[in-house]
Protein backbone atom coordinates (compact mmCIF):
# COMPACT_ATOMS: atom_id res chain seq x y z
CA MET A 1 68.96 114.82 126.23
CA SER A 2 68.21 112.32 123.49
CA GLN A 3 70.76 109.82 122.21
CA GLU A 4 70.88 111.58 118.84
CA ALA A 5 71.60 114.91 120.50
CA ARG A 6 74.36 113.40 122.65
CA THR A 7 75.93 111.78 119.58
CA THR A 8 75.81 115.07 117.67
CA ARG A 9 77.39 116.91 120.60
CA THR A 10 80.18 114.32 120.92
CA LEU A 11 80.94 114.49 117.22
CA GLY A 12 81.01 118.27 117.41
CA ARG A 13 83.59 118.16 120.21
CA PHE A 14 85.68 115.67 118.24
CA GLU A 15 85.63 117.85 115.14
CA ARG A 16 86.80 120.83 117.17
CA LEU A 17 89.92 118.95 118.35
CA PRO A 18 93.02 120.05 116.44
CA THR A 19 93.91 117.56 113.73
CA ARG A 20 97.59 117.70 114.69
CA ARG A 21 96.80 116.67 118.25
CA ILE A 22 94.78 113.68 117.08
CA VAL A 23 97.58 112.56 114.77
CA LEU A 24 100.21 112.96 117.50
CA VAL A 25 98.16 111.02 120.02
CA ALA A 26 97.60 108.19 117.55
CA LEU A 27 101.28 108.21 116.60
CA SER A 28 102.33 108.15 120.25
CA ILE A 29 100.12 105.16 120.94
CA GLY A 30 101.44 103.34 117.87
CA ILE A 31 105.09 103.99 118.76
CA ALA A 32 104.62 103.00 122.39
CA THR A 33 102.89 99.80 121.32
CA ALA A 34 105.64 98.91 118.83
CA VAL A 35 108.39 99.60 121.39
CA ALA A 36 106.65 97.58 124.09
CA TYR A 37 105.96 94.66 121.74
CA GLY A 38 109.49 94.54 120.32
CA SER A 39 111.08 94.82 123.76
CA TYR A 40 108.82 92.12 125.20
CA ARG A 41 109.60 89.72 122.35
CA THR A 42 113.35 90.31 122.71
CA LEU A 43 113.47 89.98 126.49
CA THR A 44 111.36 86.80 126.50
CA LEU A 45 113.37 84.88 123.91
CA PRO A 46 114.59 81.41 124.97
CA ALA A 47 117.73 81.41 127.10
CA GLY A 48 119.98 80.34 124.27
CA GLN A 49 118.76 83.05 121.90
CA ARG A 50 118.54 86.20 124.01
CA TYR A 51 121.39 88.54 124.91
CA SER A 52 123.13 88.06 128.22
CA GLY A 53 123.49 90.74 130.88
CA SER A 54 127.13 91.31 129.92
CA ALA A 55 126.08 91.87 126.28
CA TRP A 56 123.60 94.59 127.32
CA ARG A 57 126.32 96.15 129.45
CA ASP A 58 128.69 96.20 126.47
CA PHE A 59 125.96 97.78 124.33
CA LEU A 60 125.54 100.52 126.93
CA VAL A 61 129.26 101.27 127.23
CA LEU A 62 129.68 101.35 123.45
CA GLY A 63 126.65 103.61 123.15
CA VAL A 64 128.04 106.08 125.67
CA ALA A 65 131.42 106.10 123.91
CA GLN A 66 130.02 106.70 120.44
CA GLY A 67 127.54 109.18 121.92
CA ALA A 68 130.49 111.19 123.26
CA VAL A 69 131.88 111.42 119.71
CA TYR A 70 128.48 112.49 118.38
CA ALA A 71 128.31 115.13 121.10
CA LEU A 72 131.64 116.63 120.02
CA ILE A 73 130.44 116.87 116.42
CA ALA A 74 127.02 118.19 117.52
CA LEU A 75 128.72 121.02 119.39
CA GLY A 76 130.04 122.29 116.05
CA TYR A 77 126.52 122.39 114.65
CA THR A 78 125.10 124.11 117.69
CA LEU A 79 127.87 126.76 117.90
CA VAL A 80 127.46 127.80 114.28
CA TYR A 81 123.69 127.80 114.53
CA GLY A 82 123.81 129.88 117.71
CA ILE A 83 125.73 132.65 115.92
CA LEU A 84 124.58 132.50 112.29
CA ARG A 85 121.23 130.70 112.59
CA MET A 86 122.29 128.31 109.84
CA ILE A 87 122.94 124.57 109.68
CA ASN A 88 126.48 123.84 108.51
CA PHE A 89 125.84 120.54 106.74
CA ALA A 90 129.50 120.46 105.67
CA HIS A 91 130.54 119.98 109.31
CA GLY A 92 130.61 116.20 108.87
CA GLU A 93 133.30 116.68 106.22
CA VAL A 94 135.26 118.91 108.61
CA PHE A 95 135.23 115.93 110.97
CA MET A 96 136.33 113.63 108.12
CA ALA A 97 139.16 115.98 107.13
CA GLY A 98 140.59 115.87 110.64
CA ALA A 99 140.64 112.06 110.63
CA PHE A 100 142.40 112.04 107.24
CA GLY A 101 144.86 114.72 108.30
CA SER A 102 146.08 112.57 111.18
CA PHE A 103 145.95 109.23 109.35
CA PHE A 104 149.13 109.63 107.32
CA PHE A 105 151.15 110.50 110.42
CA ALA A 106 149.62 107.60 112.35
CA ASP A 107 150.46 105.24 109.50
CA ALA A 108 154.07 106.46 109.30
CA TRP A 109 154.50 106.32 113.07
CA GLU A 110 153.15 102.78 113.20
CA ARG A 111 155.71 101.65 110.61
CA SER A 112 158.53 103.43 112.44
CA GLY A 113 157.45 102.07 115.85
CA PHE A 114 156.93 105.53 117.39
CA LEU A 115 153.20 104.89 117.86
CA ASP A 116 153.89 102.03 120.29
CA ARG A 117 157.03 103.47 121.90
CA ARG A 118 155.39 106.79 122.83
CA PRO A 119 151.64 106.14 122.71
CA VAL A 120 150.60 109.12 124.85
CA LEU A 121 152.71 111.60 122.89
CA ALA A 122 151.69 110.03 119.58
CA VAL A 123 147.96 110.24 120.31
CA LEU A 124 148.34 113.82 121.56
CA LEU A 125 150.15 114.80 118.36
CA LEU A 126 147.52 113.06 116.24
CA VAL A 127 144.78 115.02 117.97
CA LEU A 128 146.66 118.31 117.47
CA LEU A 129 147.25 117.53 113.78
CA ALA A 130 143.60 116.61 113.26
CA MET A 131 142.51 119.80 114.99
CA ALA A 132 144.79 121.88 112.76
CA VAL A 133 143.42 120.31 109.56
CA SER A 134 139.79 120.56 110.66
CA VAL A 135 140.21 124.18 111.76
CA THR A 136 141.77 125.06 108.40
CA VAL A 137 138.89 123.48 106.48
CA ALA A 138 136.27 125.09 108.75
CA VAL A 139 137.78 128.58 108.44
CA LEU A 140 138.06 128.25 104.65
CA LEU A 141 134.41 127.21 104.51
CA GLU A 142 133.40 130.27 106.49
CA ARG A 143 135.54 132.65 104.46
CA ILE A 144 134.82 131.31 100.97
CA ALA A 145 131.36 129.72 101.15
CA TYR A 146 129.42 131.40 103.96
CA ARG A 147 130.67 134.94 104.52
CA PRO A 148 129.63 136.24 101.07
CA LEU A 149 126.11 134.90 101.72
CA ARG A 150 125.70 136.26 105.23
CA GLY A 151 122.86 138.62 104.32
CA ALA A 152 121.13 136.19 101.96
CA PRO A 153 117.88 134.30 102.73
CA ARG A 154 118.43 131.26 104.95
CA LEU A 155 117.79 128.78 102.16
CA VAL A 156 120.80 130.05 100.18
CA PRO A 157 123.54 129.22 102.78
CA LEU A 158 121.77 125.92 103.49
CA ILE A 159 122.07 124.88 99.83
CA THR A 160 125.64 126.17 99.82
CA ALA A 161 126.47 124.02 102.86
CA ILE A 162 125.14 120.91 101.10
CA GLY A 163 127.19 121.79 98.02
CA ALA A 164 130.29 122.35 100.16
CA SER A 165 129.74 118.94 101.76
CA LEU A 166 129.62 117.21 98.37
CA PHE A 167 132.63 119.20 97.17
CA LEU A 168 134.76 118.14 100.14
CA GLN A 169 133.69 114.51 99.86
CA ASN A 170 134.66 114.30 96.20
CA THR A 171 137.85 116.30 96.73
CA PHE A 172 139.10 113.84 99.35
CA ARG A 173 137.96 110.95 97.16
CA GLY A 174 139.95 112.32 94.25
CA LEU A 175 143.04 113.04 96.34
CA PHE A 176 143.17 109.90 98.49
CA GLY A 177 140.97 107.34 96.72
CA ALA A 178 137.63 105.74 97.48
CA GLN A 179 138.99 102.77 99.45
CA THR A 180 138.56 102.41 103.19
CA ARG A 181 141.83 102.71 105.08
CA GLY A 182 142.70 101.01 108.34
CA TYR A 183 143.57 103.52 111.06
CA PRO A 184 146.51 102.39 113.25
CA LYS A 185 145.95 102.12 116.98
CA PRO A 186 148.67 101.92 119.66
CA THR A 187 148.90 98.55 121.36
CA ALA A 188 148.54 100.41 124.67
CA LEU A 189 144.89 101.05 123.73
CA GLU A 190 144.16 97.38 123.12
CA GLY A 191 142.52 95.30 125.81
CA THR A 192 140.27 96.40 128.66
CA TRP A 193 140.38 98.08 132.06
CA SER A 194 138.11 97.14 134.94
CA ILE A 195 136.12 100.15 136.17
CA LEU A 196 133.87 99.45 139.18
CA GLY A 197 134.05 95.80 138.22
CA ILE A 198 132.94 96.47 134.65
CA PRO A 199 135.41 95.64 131.85
CA VAL A 200 135.67 98.64 129.52
CA GLN A 201 137.83 98.82 126.41
CA ARG A 202 140.77 101.15 126.85
CA VAL A 203 139.99 103.11 123.71
CA GLN A 204 136.47 103.73 125.02
CA VAL A 205 137.90 105.10 128.26
CA LEU A 206 140.10 107.43 126.21
CA VAL A 207 137.09 108.59 124.19
CA LEU A 208 135.05 109.35 127.30
CA VAL A 209 137.86 111.17 129.12
CA VAL A 210 138.90 113.31 126.15
CA ALA A 211 135.31 114.13 125.15
CA ALA A 212 134.37 115.09 128.71
CA ALA A 213 137.47 117.29 129.04
CA ALA A 214 136.77 119.01 125.71
CA MET A 215 133.17 119.77 126.70
CA VAL A 216 134.21 121.16 130.08
CA VAL A 217 136.86 123.39 128.48
CA LEU A 218 134.39 124.65 125.87
CA THR A 219 131.78 125.38 128.53
CA GLN A 220 134.26 127.35 130.63
CA PHE A 221 135.56 129.19 127.57
CA VAL A 222 132.10 130.33 126.47
CA SER A 223 130.88 131.24 129.94
CA ARG A 224 133.97 132.87 131.46
CA THR A 225 136.22 134.39 128.79
CA LYS A 226 135.83 137.74 127.06
CA THR A 227 135.62 136.03 123.66
CA GLY A 228 132.94 133.70 124.99
CA LYS A 229 130.90 136.65 126.20
CA SER A 230 131.29 138.25 122.77
CA MET A 231 129.99 135.03 121.21
CA ARG A 232 126.93 135.10 123.44
CA ALA A 233 126.32 138.75 122.61
CA ALA A 234 126.60 138.08 118.87
CA ALA A 235 124.25 135.11 119.24
CA GLU A 236 121.69 137.41 120.85
CA ASP A 237 121.87 140.21 118.26
CA GLN A 238 124.73 140.76 115.84
CA GLU A 239 123.84 144.37 115.03
CA ILE A 240 123.65 145.43 118.67
CA ALA A 241 126.87 143.52 119.40
CA ALA A 242 128.63 145.41 116.58
CA LEU A 243 127.36 148.75 117.94
CA MET A 244 128.87 147.81 121.32
CA GLY A 245 132.30 147.44 119.68
CA ILE A 246 132.37 143.66 119.21
CA ASP A 247 134.09 142.47 116.03
CA VAL A 248 131.35 140.18 114.75
CA ASP A 249 133.47 138.77 111.90
CA ARG A 250 136.15 137.78 114.38
CA VAL A 251 133.55 136.16 116.65
CA ILE A 252 132.16 134.13 113.75
CA VAL A 253 135.63 132.96 112.72
CA THR A 254 136.33 132.00 116.34
CA THR A 255 133.11 129.98 116.35
CA PHE A 256 134.20 128.04 113.27
CA VAL A 257 137.65 127.53 114.83
CA LEU A 258 136.09 126.04 117.96
CA GLY A 259 133.80 123.81 115.92
CA GLY A 260 136.75 122.68 113.80
CA MET A 261 138.83 121.86 116.88
CA LEU A 262 136.05 119.73 118.34
CA ALA A 263 135.49 118.01 114.98
CA GLY A 264 139.21 117.21 114.73
CA ILE A 265 139.20 115.65 118.20
CA ALA A 266 136.11 113.64 117.28
CA GLY A 267 137.75 112.48 114.03
CA VAL A 268 140.70 110.91 115.85
CA LEU A 269 138.52 109.37 118.57
CA PHE A 270 136.15 107.92 115.97
CA ALA A 271 139.03 106.49 113.92
CA LEU A 272 140.68 104.94 116.99
CA THR A 273 137.35 103.43 118.08
CA PHE A 274 136.26 101.90 114.77
CA GLY A 275 139.71 101.42 113.20
CA ASN A 276 139.06 102.77 109.69
CA ILE A 277 138.44 105.95 107.72
CA SER A 278 137.07 106.82 104.28
CA TYR A 279 136.10 109.90 102.30
CA PHE A 280 132.44 109.14 103.08
CA MET A 281 132.91 108.68 106.83
CA GLY A 282 131.60 112.13 107.71
CA PHE A 283 128.11 111.71 106.27
CA ALA A 284 126.40 109.31 108.69
CA PRO A 285 128.06 110.65 111.89
CA GLY A 286 127.35 114.19 110.66
CA ILE A 287 123.64 113.52 110.21
CA THR A 288 123.54 111.67 113.52
CA ALA A 289 125.27 114.55 115.30
CA PHE A 290 122.85 117.01 113.71
CA THR A 291 119.99 114.89 115.05
CA ALA A 292 121.66 114.96 118.47
CA ALA A 293 121.89 118.75 118.33
CA VAL A 294 118.20 119.01 117.42
CA LEU A 295 117.25 116.50 120.12
CA GLY A 296 119.13 118.38 122.82
CA GLY A 297 118.04 121.81 121.59
CA ILE A 298 120.14 123.27 118.81
CA GLY A 299 121.91 126.35 120.09
CA SER A 300 122.50 124.79 123.51
CA ILE A 301 125.93 123.42 124.43
CA SER A 302 124.65 121.19 127.22
CA GLY A 303 121.77 120.15 124.97
CA ALA A 304 124.19 118.98 122.28
CA ALA A 305 126.09 116.91 124.86
CA ILE A 306 122.90 115.32 126.21
CA GLY A 307 121.54 114.70 122.71
CA GLY A 308 124.76 113.03 121.59
CA LEU A 309 124.79 110.65 124.53
CA VAL A 310 121.11 109.79 124.13
CA ILE A 311 121.48 109.13 120.40
CA GLY A 312 124.60 107.02 120.94
CA VAL A 313 122.92 104.83 123.55
CA LEU A 314 119.74 104.43 121.50
CA GLN A 315 121.71 103.49 118.39
CA SER A 316 123.62 100.87 120.35
CA ILE A 317 120.75 99.36 122.33
CA GLY A 318 117.70 100.15 120.17
CA PRO A 319 118.19 97.72 117.26
CA ALA A 320 118.98 94.81 119.58
CA LEU A 321 116.12 95.56 121.95
CA LEU A 322 113.39 96.32 119.41
CA LEU A 323 114.24 94.16 116.40
CA THR A 324 115.88 90.98 117.66
CA GLY A 325 112.68 89.60 119.15
CA ILE A 326 110.74 89.96 115.90
CA HIS A 327 113.56 88.23 114.02
CA VAL A 328 114.64 91.11 111.78
CA PRO A 329 117.87 90.00 110.05
CA SER A 330 120.98 92.10 110.81
CA PRO A 331 119.21 94.55 113.14
CA PHE A 332 122.35 96.66 113.70
CA GLN A 333 122.40 97.55 110.01
CA LEU A 334 119.23 99.53 110.75
CA LYS A 335 120.69 101.78 113.45
CA ASP A 336 120.43 104.79 111.13
CA VAL A 337 116.69 104.15 111.02
CA VAL A 338 116.70 104.86 114.76
CA THR A 339 118.47 108.17 114.09
CA PHE A 340 116.01 109.41 111.49
CA LEU A 341 113.02 108.17 113.49
CA ILE A 342 114.23 110.17 116.47
CA LEU A 343 114.70 113.25 114.26
CA ILE A 344 111.14 112.96 112.94
CA LEU A 345 109.68 112.44 116.41
CA VAL A 346 111.56 115.40 117.87
CA LEU A 347 110.39 117.69 115.06
CA LEU A 348 106.82 116.49 115.58
CA PHE A 349 106.57 116.49 119.36
CA ARG A 350 109.19 118.97 120.59
CA PRO A 351 110.82 121.01 117.80
CA GLY A 352 112.82 123.01 120.35
CA GLY A 353 114.54 119.89 121.71
CA ILE A 354 115.03 118.71 125.28
CA LEU A 355 116.49 121.98 126.56
CA GLY A 356 114.77 124.24 124.04
CA THR A 357 116.21 126.44 121.33
CA GLY A 358 118.32 129.32 122.49
CA GLU A 359 121.58 131.14 122.22
CA VAL A 360 125.07 129.69 121.96
CA GLU A 361 125.29 129.07 125.69
CA LYS A 362 122.63 127.57 127.87
CA VAL A 363 124.66 125.62 130.41
C-alpha cells in the first residue's frame, strides 16, 4: 500500500472517531497534566515555603468535617430528586433557615451562661430547634411552591425553586439584616482531642459523629420502615404506588420533612464549625452539596454521602496542592472553582455519578 493510501486510510479512521470522545481525551490529558504540574511544583517548594505534614493532616481533617456537612445537605437534594425528579434549589435556604432559627436561642443562652453550664443539652436543643425551623420551611415550600406544579414540565418547578431560593434569601435579609452574625459556641467545644495520636478539633469530632449518626438513621429508616418502603415505591413509579394504596402526597411531604431535618442538623454543625451565619450562607454550601449529590449519583443516599466527603476533601486540599506551587495569591479563595470544575467534569465524563442515577435508596 502506498504512503498516500495509508495516509488517506488513517485520516478516514480519525474522521470516524466520535468528536465527543476526541474532546474528552484531550480534556483528560490537559487536566491530568495541570494537576501533575501543580502538585509537583507545590511538593517541591523549598523547605521554608511548603506545607508541613501536620498542615496536610489538618487540611484532610477539615475536609472530612466540612464534607460531612455537605453530605447532610446533599441528602436533601437526593431524596427530593428520587421522589419528584426535580432539583430543589431552595434547599440551601432551608439549611440557612435552620441555622438562623437556632442562632437567637444560642445567643440568649450564651448571655445567660446556660450554653457553657449545660453544653450537651444546649447543643441538643439547638439541633432540635434548627430541625423544627428547617422542616417548617421545607414543608411550606412543598405545599405552596411545588405541589401545584407537580404535573407541569420539569423546567417550571426548576424555575420556581430558583425563585423560592431568592425569595427566602431576601426575606431573611429583610427580617434579620444583611450583616454577618457570630454564632456562639460552648467552651466545651474549644480545643482539641487526640484521636490515634492525631489532634482533632472538638467541634470537628462533633460534626463527624452527628453526621455519621444521622446518615445511619436515615439509611435504616428508608430501608427498614414501612414509610421508607413507600418512599422507594413512589420513587419507582408514583402512579403504580398510588394504585397499591400508598398515599403519594404523604410520602412526598415525609421526604421534605426528612430533607429539612437533615438540613437543620447541617445548619447547626456548619455554624458551630465556622462561627458565623448570614442570610446568604445557604448559597455556596447549597451549590456545593448539589455538586456532591451529582458526583455521588443523585438519587442515591450512599452516593450523596460519598460525594459530600469527596467534595469536602478536594475543597480543603485542592487549592493548596494545585495552586500554591504556581504562586497563585490566596488559593483558598478559589475553592469554589474546584466545586464547579468537578461538576463540569462529572457531567462530561460520568453524568450518572459514582454510583449511578437511581431511586431514593441505593445503599
